Protein backbone atom coordinates (compact mmCIF):
# COMPACT_ATOMS: atom_id res chain seq x y z
CA MET A 1 12.33 9.89 16.21
CA LEU A 2 11.77 9.72 12.31
CA VAL A 3 9.60 12.61 12.09
CA GLY A 4 11.43 15.83 12.37
CA SER A 5 15.18 15.96 13.39
CA VAL A 6 17.07 12.17 12.59
CA VAL A 7 18.02 10.94 15.76
CA LYS A 8 18.28 7.63 14.71
CA ARG A 9 18.45 5.45 11.62
CA VAL A 10 16.86 2.40 11.55
CA ALA A 11 18.18 -0.42 9.77
CA ILE A 12 16.12 -2.02 7.03
CA VAL A 13 17.50 -5.57 7.03
CA GLY A 14 15.37 -6.71 4.13
CA GLY A 15 11.99 -7.63 3.01
CA VAL A 16 9.74 -10.72 1.32
CA ARG A 17 6.52 -11.03 -0.38
CA ILE A 18 4.51 -13.50 -1.71
CA PRO A 19 3.55 -12.55 -5.48
CA PHE A 20 0.71 -10.44 -6.43
CA ALA A 21 -2.31 -12.04 -7.89
CA ARG A 22 -4.93 -10.78 -9.81
CA ALA A 23 -8.33 -11.11 -7.80
CA TYR A 24 -9.79 -14.22 -8.55
CA SER A 25 -7.01 -16.10 -9.63
CA ALA A 26 -4.41 -18.38 -8.00
CA TYR A 27 -5.37 -16.83 -4.65
CA ALA A 28 -9.07 -17.32 -5.23
CA THR A 29 -9.53 -19.34 -2.10
CA ALA A 30 -7.03 -17.81 0.52
CA GLY A 31 -7.67 -15.47 2.99
CA ASN A 32 -5.41 -12.53 4.51
CA GLN A 33 -4.21 -14.54 7.30
CA ASP A 34 -2.96 -16.94 4.95
CA MET A 35 -1.44 -14.54 2.57
CA LEU A 36 -0.15 -12.47 5.49
CA THR A 37 1.38 -15.52 7.36
CA ALA A 38 3.17 -16.69 4.54
CA ALA A 39 4.80 -13.29 4.31
CA PHE A 40 5.80 -13.26 7.52
CA ARG A 41 7.14 -17.09 7.27
CA ALA A 42 9.12 -16.13 4.46
CA VAL A 43 10.82 -13.50 6.53
CA VAL A 44 11.13 -15.52 9.64
CA GLU A 45 12.71 -18.31 7.43
CA ARG A 46 14.86 -15.82 5.39
CA PHE A 47 16.90 -14.12 8.06
CA HIS A 48 16.67 -17.11 10.59
CA LEU A 49 14.42 -15.98 13.30
CA GLN A 50 12.95 -19.11 14.19
CA GLY A 51 11.84 -19.10 18.08
CA GLU A 52 13.17 -15.40 18.21
CA ARG A 53 11.27 -13.28 20.47
CA LEU A 54 10.68 -9.66 18.14
CA GLY A 55 9.70 -6.18 19.86
CA ASP A 56 6.79 -5.87 17.89
CA VAL A 57 5.09 -6.88 14.45
CA ALA A 58 2.64 -4.05 12.88
CA ALA A 59 0.59 -5.00 10.16
CA GLY A 60 -2.81 -4.88 8.74
CA ALA A 61 -5.54 -4.98 6.12
CA VAL A 62 -7.84 -2.63 4.38
CA ILE A 63 -10.62 -5.48 3.62
CA LYS A 64 -10.97 -7.64 6.96
CA HIS A 65 -13.87 -10.61 8.15
CA SER A 66 -14.80 -9.81 11.71
CA ARG A 67 -12.91 -12.94 12.16
CA ASP A 68 -9.78 -11.20 12.09
CA TYR A 69 -10.26 -8.91 14.62
CA ASN A 70 -6.62 -10.15 15.77
CA LEU A 71 -5.11 -10.61 12.05
CA VAL A 72 -1.64 -9.78 12.93
CA ARG A 73 -1.27 -11.70 16.18
CA GLU A 74 -2.93 -14.72 14.45
CA CYS A 75 -0.38 -14.58 11.90
CA VAL A 76 2.56 -14.13 14.44
CA LEU A 77 1.47 -17.03 16.23
CA SER A 78 1.64 -19.36 12.91
CA CYS A 79 4.83 -18.08 11.65
CA GLY A 80 7.48 -19.40 13.31
CA LEU A 81 8.27 -16.68 15.80
CA ASP A 82 8.10 -16.81 19.43
CA PRO A 83 4.50 -16.79 20.58
CA HIS A 84 5.51 -14.03 22.76
CA THR A 85 6.02 -11.61 19.92
CA PRO A 86 3.39 -8.99 20.34
CA GLY A 87 0.88 -8.27 17.19
CA LEU A 88 -0.26 -5.10 16.40
CA ASP A 89 -3.15 -4.54 13.90
CA LEU A 90 -3.57 -0.97 12.12
CA GLN A 91 -5.18 0.54 8.83
CA ARG A 92 -4.47 3.28 6.93
CA ALA A 93 -6.23 2.33 3.57
CA CYS A 94 -3.41 1.80 0.79
CA GLY A 95 -0.69 3.04 2.99
CA THR A 96 -1.41 0.66 5.86
CA SER A 97 1.99 -1.11 5.54
CA LEU A 98 4.28 1.79 5.12
CA GLU A 99 2.48 3.33 8.07
CA ALA A 100 3.41 -0.08 9.81
CA ALA A 101 7.11 0.32 8.79
CA ILE A 102 6.94 4.40 10.53
CA ASP A 103 5.53 2.72 13.55
CA ILE A 104 7.82 -0.20 14.02
CA GLY A 105 11.34 2.50 13.13
CA ASN A 106 9.25 4.84 15.48
CA LYS A 107 9.57 2.27 18.20
CA ILE A 108 13.07 1.07 17.45
CA ALA A 109 14.45 4.47 16.97
CA LEU A 110 12.58 5.43 20.53
CA GLY A 111 14.55 2.72 22.06
CA GLN A 112 11.29 0.68 23.03
CA ILE A 113 12.09 -2.13 20.77
CA GLU A 114 15.54 -3.41 19.13
CA VAL A 115 13.60 -5.53 15.98
CA GLY A 116 10.10 -5.92 14.50
CA ILE A 117 8.31 -6.36 11.18
CA ALA A 118 6.30 -4.68 9.38
CA GLY A 119 3.65 -5.78 6.82
CA GLY A 120 0.40 -5.99 5.32
CA ALA A 121 -2.21 -8.08 3.23
CA ASP A 122 -5.41 -8.07 1.15
CA SER A 123 -7.45 -10.18 -0.47
CA ILE A 124 -10.42 -9.29 -3.05
CA SER A 125 -11.21 -12.59 -3.43
CA ASP A 126 -11.97 -13.25 0.26
CA ALA A 127 -14.05 -10.27 0.51
CA PRO A 128 -16.75 -10.52 3.22
CA ILE A 129 -19.96 -10.39 2.05
CA VAL A 130 -22.69 -8.79 4.40
CA TYR A 131 -26.18 -8.53 4.67
CA PRO A 132 -28.53 -5.34 5.18
CA ARG A 133 -28.44 -3.61 8.14
CA ALA A 134 -32.01 -4.34 8.61
CA TYR A 135 -31.42 -8.13 8.75
CA GLN A 136 -29.13 -7.70 11.18
CA GLN A 137 -31.17 -5.56 13.49
CA LEU A 138 -34.14 -8.16 12.98
CA LEU A 139 -31.65 -11.03 14.22
CA LEU A 140 -30.04 -8.86 17.16
CA ALA A 141 -33.74 -7.93 18.63
CA SER A 142 -34.79 -11.79 18.31
CA TYR A 143 -31.40 -12.96 20.17
CA ARG A 144 -32.29 -10.08 22.95
CA GLY A 145 -35.67 -11.74 23.15
CA ARG A 146 -36.59 -12.86 26.95
CA THR A 147 -39.88 -14.84 26.01
CA ALA A 148 -40.31 -17.16 23.25
CA TRP A 149 -42.91 -14.47 21.58
CA GLN A 150 -40.17 -11.99 21.73
CA ARG A 151 -37.53 -14.07 20.19
CA ALA A 152 -40.15 -14.93 17.49
CA ALA A 153 -42.06 -11.71 16.74
CA PRO A 154 -39.05 -9.87 14.99
CA TRP A 155 -39.15 -12.78 12.24
CA LEU A 156 -42.73 -11.56 11.05
CA GLY A 157 -40.68 -8.44 9.61
CA LEU A 158 -38.30 -10.92 7.77
CA ARG A 159 -38.61 -9.81 3.71
CA PRO A 160 -37.07 -11.16 0.52
CA LYS A 161 -34.83 -7.75 0.56
CA HIS A 162 -33.59 -8.82 3.54
CA PHE A 163 -31.14 -11.56 1.50
CA LYS A 164 -29.74 -9.13 -0.83
CA PRO A 165 -26.27 -9.12 0.06
CA VAL A 166 -24.28 -5.89 0.21
CA LEU A 167 -21.03 -6.38 -1.84
CA PRO A 168 -17.83 -4.75 -0.75
CA ALA A 169 -16.69 -1.57 -2.64
CA VAL A 170 -14.18 1.14 -2.90
CA VAL A 171 -16.49 3.85 -2.71
CA GLU A 172 -15.76 7.21 -0.55
CA PRO A 173 -18.84 7.36 2.10
CA ARG A 174 -18.04 10.84 2.12
CA THR A 175 -19.14 11.59 -1.70
CA GLY A 176 -20.23 8.19 -2.83
CA LEU A 177 -18.04 8.33 -5.63
CA SER A 178 -15.38 5.50 -6.52
CA MET A 179 -11.54 6.05 -6.52
CA GLY A 180 -11.71 5.93 -10.11
CA GLN A 181 -14.18 8.44 -10.56
CA SER A 182 -12.87 10.95 -8.31
CA THR A 183 -9.63 10.42 -9.78
CA GLU A 184 -10.99 11.35 -13.50
CA LEU A 185 -12.19 14.64 -11.62
CA MET A 186 -8.36 15.24 -10.58
CA ALA A 187 -7.39 14.24 -14.23
CA LYS A 188 -9.45 16.69 -15.78
CA GLN A 189 -8.62 19.55 -13.38
CA TRP A 190 -5.05 18.86 -14.14
CA HIS A 191 -5.42 18.15 -18.10
CA VAL A 192 -3.80 14.54 -17.76
CA THR A 193 -4.66 13.40 -20.94
CA ARG A 194 -5.26 9.39 -22.13
CA ALA A 195 -1.84 9.11 -23.89
CA GLU A 196 0.17 9.96 -20.82
CA GLN A 197 -1.50 7.47 -18.82
CA ASP A 198 -1.17 5.01 -21.00
CA GLN A 199 2.28 5.86 -21.45
CA LEU A 200 2.96 5.67 -17.83
CA ALA A 201 1.24 2.37 -17.50
CA LEU A 202 2.97 0.96 -20.35
CA ASP A 203 6.57 2.31 -18.90
CA SER A 204 5.26 0.20 -15.27
CA HIS A 205 4.84 -2.86 -17.42
CA VAL A 206 7.95 -2.48 -19.45
CA LYS A 207 9.95 -1.89 -16.09
CA ALA A 208 8.33 -4.58 -14.58
CA ALA A 209 8.82 -7.33 -16.85
CA ALA A 210 12.18 -6.06 -17.57
CA ALA A 211 13.01 -6.44 -13.39
CA TRP A 212 11.49 -9.85 -13.36
CA ARG A 213 13.71 -11.01 -16.56
CA ALA A 214 16.69 -10.01 -14.74
CA GLY A 215 15.77 -11.73 -11.86
CA PHE A 216 15.93 -8.52 -9.48
CA TYR A 217 12.83 -9.90 -7.83
CA ASP A 218 14.03 -13.40 -7.10
CA ASP A 219 14.90 -13.06 -3.60
CA LEU A 220 12.17 -10.41 -3.18
CA VAL A 221 9.19 -12.80 -3.74
CA VAL A 222 8.55 -16.38 -2.52
CA PRO A 223 6.36 -18.81 -4.26
CA HIS A 224 2.79 -19.19 -2.79
CA LEU A 225 0.30 -21.61 -3.76
CA GLY A 226 1.67 -22.48 -7.13
CA LEU A 227 2.44 -19.03 -8.07
CA LYS A 228 5.68 -17.96 -8.72
CA THR A 229 5.71 -14.21 -10.12
CA ASP A 230 3.22 -11.64 -10.23
CA ASN A 231 0.53 -12.81 -12.64
CA ASN A 232 -0.74 -9.21 -13.82
CA VAL A 233 2.76 -7.93 -15.73
CA ARG A 234 2.09 -7.49 -19.34
CA ALA A 235 5.69 -7.73 -21.03
CA ASP A 236 3.84 -7.94 -24.32
CA THR A 237 1.37 -4.65 -23.69
CA THR A 238 2.02 -1.85 -26.38
CA LEU A 239 0.12 1.65 -26.70
CA GLU A 240 -2.14 0.31 -29.48
CA LYS A 241 -3.42 -2.18 -27.13
CA LEU A 242 -3.91 0.20 -24.25
CA ALA A 243 -5.81 2.80 -26.50
CA HIS A 244 -8.02 -0.09 -27.37
CA LEU A 245 -9.39 -0.21 -23.96
CA ARG A 246 -12.85 1.53 -23.02
CA PRO A 247 -12.86 3.97 -20.53
CA SER A 248 -13.83 2.28 -16.93
CA PHE A 249 -14.86 5.33 -14.44
CA ALA A 250 -17.15 7.48 -17.00
CA THR A 251 -18.21 7.28 -20.53
CA ASP A 252 -16.21 10.50 -21.48
CA GLY A 253 -13.34 9.55 -19.17
CA THR A 254 -9.32 8.64 -19.46
CA LEU A 255 -9.25 5.91 -16.89
CA THR A 256 -9.11 2.23 -17.88
CA ALA A 257 -8.45 -1.04 -16.87
CA GLY A 258 -5.25 -0.52 -18.54
CA ASN A 259 -3.86 2.60 -16.62
CA SER A 260 -5.42 1.78 -13.52
CA THR A 261 -4.10 -1.01 -10.74
CA PRO A 262 -5.85 -4.22 -10.81
CA LEU A 263 -8.11 -5.66 -8.35
CA THR A 264 -5.01 -7.57 -6.72
CA ASP A 265 -4.88 -9.99 -3.92
CA GLY A 266 -1.00 -10.68 -2.00
CA ALA A 267 1.15 -9.59 1.56
CA SER A 268 4.57 -8.21 1.99
CA ALA A 269 6.64 -7.90 4.98
CA VAL A 270 9.77 -6.04 5.86
CA LEU A 271 12.44 -6.73 8.94
CA LEU A 272 13.61 -3.33 10.56
CA ALA A 273 16.28 -3.20 13.72
CA THR A 274 18.68 -1.23 15.11
CA PRO A 275 22.01 -1.12 13.13
CA ASP A 276 23.60 -2.94 16.55
CA TRP A 277 20.84 -5.66 16.57
CA ALA A 278 21.49 -6.57 12.42
CA ALA A 279 25.51 -5.99 13.07
CA LYS A 280 24.94 -8.67 15.96
CA ARG A 281 23.57 -11.61 13.70
CA GLY A 282 25.88 -10.43 10.49
CA LEU A 283 23.31 -9.43 8.72
CA PRO A 284 23.91 -6.47 6.43
CA VAL A 285 21.68 -3.22 6.14
CA LEU A 286 20.27 -2.78 3.17
CA ALA A 287 18.88 1.11 3.72
CA TYR A 288 17.79 2.82 6.94
CA LEU A 289 14.26 4.52 7.24
CA THR A 290 14.92 8.05 8.32
CA HIS A 291 11.48 10.14 7.78
CA GLY A 292 7.93 9.72 7.71
CA LYS A 293 5.08 12.00 7.25
CA ALA A 294 1.19 11.38 7.05
CA TRP A 295 -1.11 14.07 5.50
CA ALA A 296 -4.80 14.29 4.71
CA VAL A 297 -6.97 16.85 2.02
CA ASP A 298 -9.99 17.88 2.25
CA PHE A 299 -11.68 16.37 -0.51
CA ALA A 300 -15.32 15.83 1.05
CA THR A 301 -16.51 19.10 -0.02
CA GLY A 302 -14.62 18.87 -3.53
CA LYS A 303 -12.42 21.31 -2.58
CA GLU A 304 -9.19 19.07 -3.14
CA GLY A 305 -8.86 15.95 -5.02
CA LEU A 306 -8.90 12.63 -3.22
CA LEU A 307 -5.42 11.38 -4.23
CA MET A 308 -3.91 14.66 -3.67
CA ALA A 309 -2.23 14.28 -0.07
CA PRO A 310 1.07 13.10 -1.26
CA THR A 311 1.60 16.78 -2.20
CA TYR A 312 1.56 17.95 0.70
CA ALA A 313 3.17 15.15 2.77
CA VAL A 314 6.01 14.87 0.83
CA PRO A 315 7.18 18.72 0.94
CA ALA A 316 6.13 18.34 4.71
CA MET A 317 8.67 16.03 4.75
CA LEU A 318 11.51 17.33 2.65
CA ARG A 319 11.48 20.38 5.20
CA ASP A 320 12.31 17.88 8.07
CA ALA A 321 15.27 16.40 6.10
CA GLY A 322 16.58 19.42 4.81
CA LEU A 323 16.21 18.09 1.40
CA THR A 324 14.56 19.03 -2.16
CA LEU A 325 12.48 16.82 -4.56
CA GLN A 326 15.63 16.52 -6.63
CA ASP A 327 18.09 15.08 -4.08
CA PHE A 328 16.75 11.74 -4.75
CA ASP A 329 18.34 8.77 -6.64
CA TYR A 330 15.07 6.79 -6.82
CA TYR A 331 11.52 7.75 -6.60
CA GLU A 332 8.73 5.22 -5.90
CA ILE A 333 5.14 6.92 -6.09
CA HIS A 334 2.51 4.73 -5.72
CA GLU A 335 0.49 4.34 -8.99
CA ALA A 336 -3.00 3.57 -7.88
CA PHE A 337 -3.73 5.12 -11.23
CA ALA A 338 -1.39 6.63 -13.61
CA ALA A 339 -3.55 9.82 -13.48
CA GLN A 340 -2.60 10.03 -9.77
CA VAL A 341 0.84 9.75 -10.44
CA LEU A 342 0.29 12.40 -13.29
CA CYS A 343 -1.25 14.87 -10.98
CA THR A 344 0.86 14.89 -8.30
CA LEU A 345 4.07 15.65 -10.44
CA LYS A 346 2.25 18.17 -12.31
CA ALA A 347 1.40 19.90 -8.78
CA TRP A 348 4.86 19.60 -7.68
CA GLU A 349 5.57 21.77 -10.79
CA SER A 350 3.40 24.15 -10.64
CA ALA A 351 4.34 27.31 -9.27
CA ASP A 352 0.96 28.58 -8.14
CA TYR A 353 -0.17 25.41 -6.65
CA CYS A 354 2.93 25.04 -4.35
CA ARG A 355 2.72 28.74 -3.37
CA GLU A 356 -1.15 29.06 -3.07
CA VAL A 357 -2.04 25.70 -1.86
CA LEU A 358 1.01 24.33 -0.13
CA GLY A 359 2.22 27.67 1.36
CA LEU A 360 5.77 26.99 -0.32
CA PRO A 361 8.02 30.04 -2.02
CA ALA A 362 8.44 28.12 -5.15
CA ALA A 363 7.23 25.30 -7.26
CA LEU A 364 9.02 21.76 -5.71
CA GLY A 365 9.75 21.16 -9.53
CA SER A 366 9.92 18.65 -11.71
CA ILE A 367 12.06 14.70 -11.38
CA ASP A 368 13.93 12.73 -13.36
CA ARG A 369 11.25 10.29 -14.85
CA ALA A 370 14.05 7.52 -15.64
CA ARG A 371 14.46 7.30 -11.76
CA LEU A 372 10.59 6.92 -11.42
CA ASN A 373 9.18 3.26 -10.68
CA VAL A 374 12.13 1.73 -11.86
CA LYS A 375 11.39 -1.91 -11.50
CA GLY A 376 7.59 -1.25 -12.13
CA GLY A 377 4.85 -0.11 -10.31
CA SER A 378 1.64 -0.96 -8.93
CA VAL A 379 -0.13 -0.77 -12.38
CA ALA A 380 2.07 -3.67 -13.31
CA LEU A 381 2.61 -5.30 -10.32
CA GLY A 382 -0.93 -5.11 -9.03
CA HIS A 383 -1.84 -3.92 -5.33
CA PRO A 384 -3.49 -5.40 -2.55
CA PHE A 385 -4.15 -2.49 -0.72
CA ALA A 386 -2.41 -3.05 2.37
CA ALA A 387 0.58 -4.65 1.15
CA THR A 388 1.96 -1.89 -1.46
CA GLY A 389 3.80 -0.07 1.29
CA THR A 390 6.40 -2.98 1.90
CA ARG A 391 6.30 -4.12 -1.29
CA ILE A 392 7.83 -0.46 -2.27
CA VAL A 393 10.04 -0.44 1.01
CA ALA A 394 11.79 -4.00 0.38
CA THR A 395 11.87 -2.93 -3.52
CA LEU A 396 13.66 0.61 -2.55
CA ALA A 397 16.37 -0.63 -0.11
CA LYS A 398 17.28 -3.46 -2.56
CA LEU A 399 17.71 -0.68 -5.16
CA LEU A 400 19.87 1.71 -2.73
CA ALA A 401 21.92 -1.18 -1.75
CA GLY A 402 22.66 -2.26 -5.42
CA GLU A 403 23.63 0.86 -6.61
CA PRO A 404 27.17 2.13 -6.03
CA GLY A 405 26.72 6.11 -4.84
CA ALA A 406 23.12 5.87 -4.22
CA ALA A 407 22.51 7.64 -1.50
CA ARG A 408 18.38 8.09 -0.84
CA GLY A 409 14.97 7.18 -2.27
CA LEU A 410 11.34 8.78 -1.97
CA ILE A 411 8.60 7.16 -1.48
CA SER A 412 4.88 8.40 -1.64
CA VAL A 413 1.82 6.47 -1.27
CA CYS A 414 -1.81 8.07 -1.59
CA THR A 415 -4.92 6.48 -0.04
CA ALA A 416 -8.79 6.41 0.37
CA GLY A 417 -10.18 8.87 2.56
CA GLY A 418 -8.17 11.56 1.14
CA MET A 419 -4.83 11.15 2.87
CA GLY A 420 -1.26 10.24 1.80
CA VAL A 421 2.17 8.77 3.62
CA SER A 422 5.52 9.28 2.41
CA ALA A 423 8.43 8.04 3.57
CA ILE A 424 12.48 8.48 3.03
CA LEU A 425 15.06 5.66 2.94
CA GLU A 426 18.54 6.40 3.10
CA ARG A 427 22.11 4.43 2.29
């Protein structure tokens, strides 16, 4: 199994994604099925899986139409795999595709399957627009009518307000706060400054732009609908430009459009297998998925910050692995907001927080920032909610494979609902 003592190491053969696009831009007319199918098809073509039956395919989307109730299975049927390959929809907000990779990894480690694909997709541009519940109830009441009068009577209650759409929003039902508003509270609690956030955002763009120029993403990203590269990366941004942006979530806040992830469309996928399966097909193993952990915090009462669950998940996973926070060559921490990353790092550096909240004997300590998100993070590359996890897995696996002497990397992803997902990749 993956969690706890390591019984087997699950091979990461590789991953592919389509370019991530700012909402309402290149993929304005695309949907989750189109994008996720493209990512799956890219994996099938890259690793010559046409007509092959895989043990399972697990993926998901956070924002879904009701028509996509069987999204993953539909994408499997269109991507070139043997139609006997099953598909599983799952969702853990922004941790969806990392959770999918852990799910597939566990099935492989337990001997249930030999090979599978994990992935995720999300479209802001194609978000479902629904009408008020009162209108829905009116329609259903009419449908249930057995006589002409029973079918017509509900329509007498029709009002103009029924035609006002209920637009989707990233708001926590328990608090009524958006994710940005919640992170503003975290930034104040941890004394994270605007300057710190802007610097991390700048680093994200600089690293992402350099990675694209160097060709790092050339074999990780396949063109889709005319887009060849992530279109949110700002190679020309500066601290001065970032400093001029207005706060986005509070008039006196520190979070801006520049140091937060943009609304993004996109999809990604990774291929996982037993080492034997990869060897029989002559496919090199980039890295191994060895541990995974999910956690949640009590954010609804205001006791804890919405996006602080990774502060719990990571040390719990480190205990499983017998490692310290400093035992990693690379750190991939999802940049939902620059402030969230900084809050997490400050929490791990705080002896009081680690002792009193996490129950640890001492602080986890600091990390080498030069090893953090070295090819850019979500602030620059974009964040299609369910696609980010396997975007990170593919990136980290390639980093580990390409760096002589690199032994392991850490993944940390915060999610809506006060949850977090973490994983360890090793060579």
